[in-house]
Amino acid sequence: MTPRSALPAIRCRDRLEVITRHSVIILTLILTGLQATADLAIVVADKAPLYRASRIAGTIGEGEVAFVKTHDSEPDWLYVIIDDTSYEARKKYFRVRSDLTVALERTQLEINQKLRTINERIRDNTGRLQSLRSYIFVVEWDRAAYYRQPKWDVTTGAGVVRQSALGAGATHHVTVKQDYHFHRKIRSGKASRMIRAWEDEMAQIETENRDLNASRQALNETLTREQTQLEQITDRFERFAHQKETYLRDYYVLQSRSANLFQQKRKVRELRRGAIVRAEPSPDYDDRLKVISGGDVFDSPARSYRSHDQIELQFLVRTARLKDALAAAVREFELLRTFEAMYDSFIEDSAYTAALSGEFVPFRHGLHSDFQRPPRNAYWIVAPYGSEEVVNRLKLRRTHRRWKDEREDLHTRIYEKDREIEVLERDLLTAEQQYDALNRRLADSEYSRASTR
């Protein structure tokens, strides 16, 4: 039987236990309510200090996930819920899941708009380059062209005195001699100035296209990086929701020549380059990984490894860069081949014309009629009445020889661009094969990636 004197003490202890249980239940309900209305967030800084009662109570590292909720009174702060404990932290250290999705959609929209503008500009520039190259060919041809207008010189003279049945008289004769007056289709000096101006414009456009290709490549890399990182973060959120204890675990590949594994600061094993392990950031050391192997846990220097997410991001950004560079090289190659077709056409036409006899030969009707001619106000003149267009064969022959030399230079550029395309295609194929080989090794390893989710 319990002594009476002990009853008040027991009742007091019971009341304290009841009050404590009620406080825990109330606090749990409050935290559960906070968590129900919270969103997941990931730490994007090296460390995010956590506060309780205006004092630092701990930190959370980069890449770690936690439930967060908007602060009641401080817009630049968040409530962070970890292990059923509520902390306060600065908002700038975190990226909330919903904000990440909105930010990516906004980034995609902005980048796609910029890409459309760049692509349209490159397409317009390519068309302009083709037009300018055509203008130059036509003007170089017309520099050897003339309008030949016939003219007649008439002379009269007195004849000898002759006797006839009708009497004596003088005779007159008329001499008509046909000649030609030649009108230049374009003066050589003016043609040179026009060609020089068009070549300068072509050089400016090619420089602009290189800058546009660089901008296009940077935008595609940014878009690839943003999309990949969001997918990886979303995957981490899913793992956190299902397995909080192991959501940070990932495959790591040893990049250095070797790395030591430690237990209690004692070396127990050594790994060689290329080894694949499952690991996660060490909770005790910023520069170490916690490596899980054969049921044991080891410490190892983090700088020696790269995670699967890091390798995936590096691969996708690199392939995006290679694909963009390959597309730009193919566009340049196709433009050079277009120029080559122009050279072939004009060289063939000039060879045919220069092989004719005579100083001036008639212009064959329909010759290079498919090529763009410069605007009419550039230099065209009205053909004189009764004239025909002819070409100075000797001038055209000199132009023909120069075109052949320029085509040889163009063939060198085409060859070099073709080799550049081959190198880019080989690099892209090699990168894809290496990444596929790594994924096969991961699939054949003891643990699958799914087991970390």
Foldseek 3Di string as FASTA:
>chain_A
DDDPVCVVVVVVVVVVVVVVVVVVVVLLVVLVVQQVPWFKKFFQDQWWFWADPNHGPDIDGGGAMFTWAQDPPDRQKIWTADPSDTTITGNVRIDTLVNLVVVLVVLVVVLVVLLVVLVVLLVVLLVLLQQLLLQLLVLLQLQQKKWKAKDKDKDKDKADWDQDPVGIDIDMDMDIDMDIDIGRQFHPVLSVVSNVVSVVVNVVSVVVNVVSLVVNLVSLLVSLLSVLVSVVSVQLVVLCVPPVVQSQKFKKFFADQKKFWADPNHTDDMGGGGDIFIWGQDPVDRQWIFTADPNDTTIIGNVRIDTPSRLVSVLRSVLSNLVSVLVSLVSVLVSLVSSLVVLVLSLVLLVVQLPDDDQKAFDDPPRVPVRNHPDCVSRGDDRPPRIGMIGGSVSSVVVSVVSVVVSVVSVVVSVVSVVVSVVSVVVSVVSVVVSVVVQVVQVPDPDHRVVSD
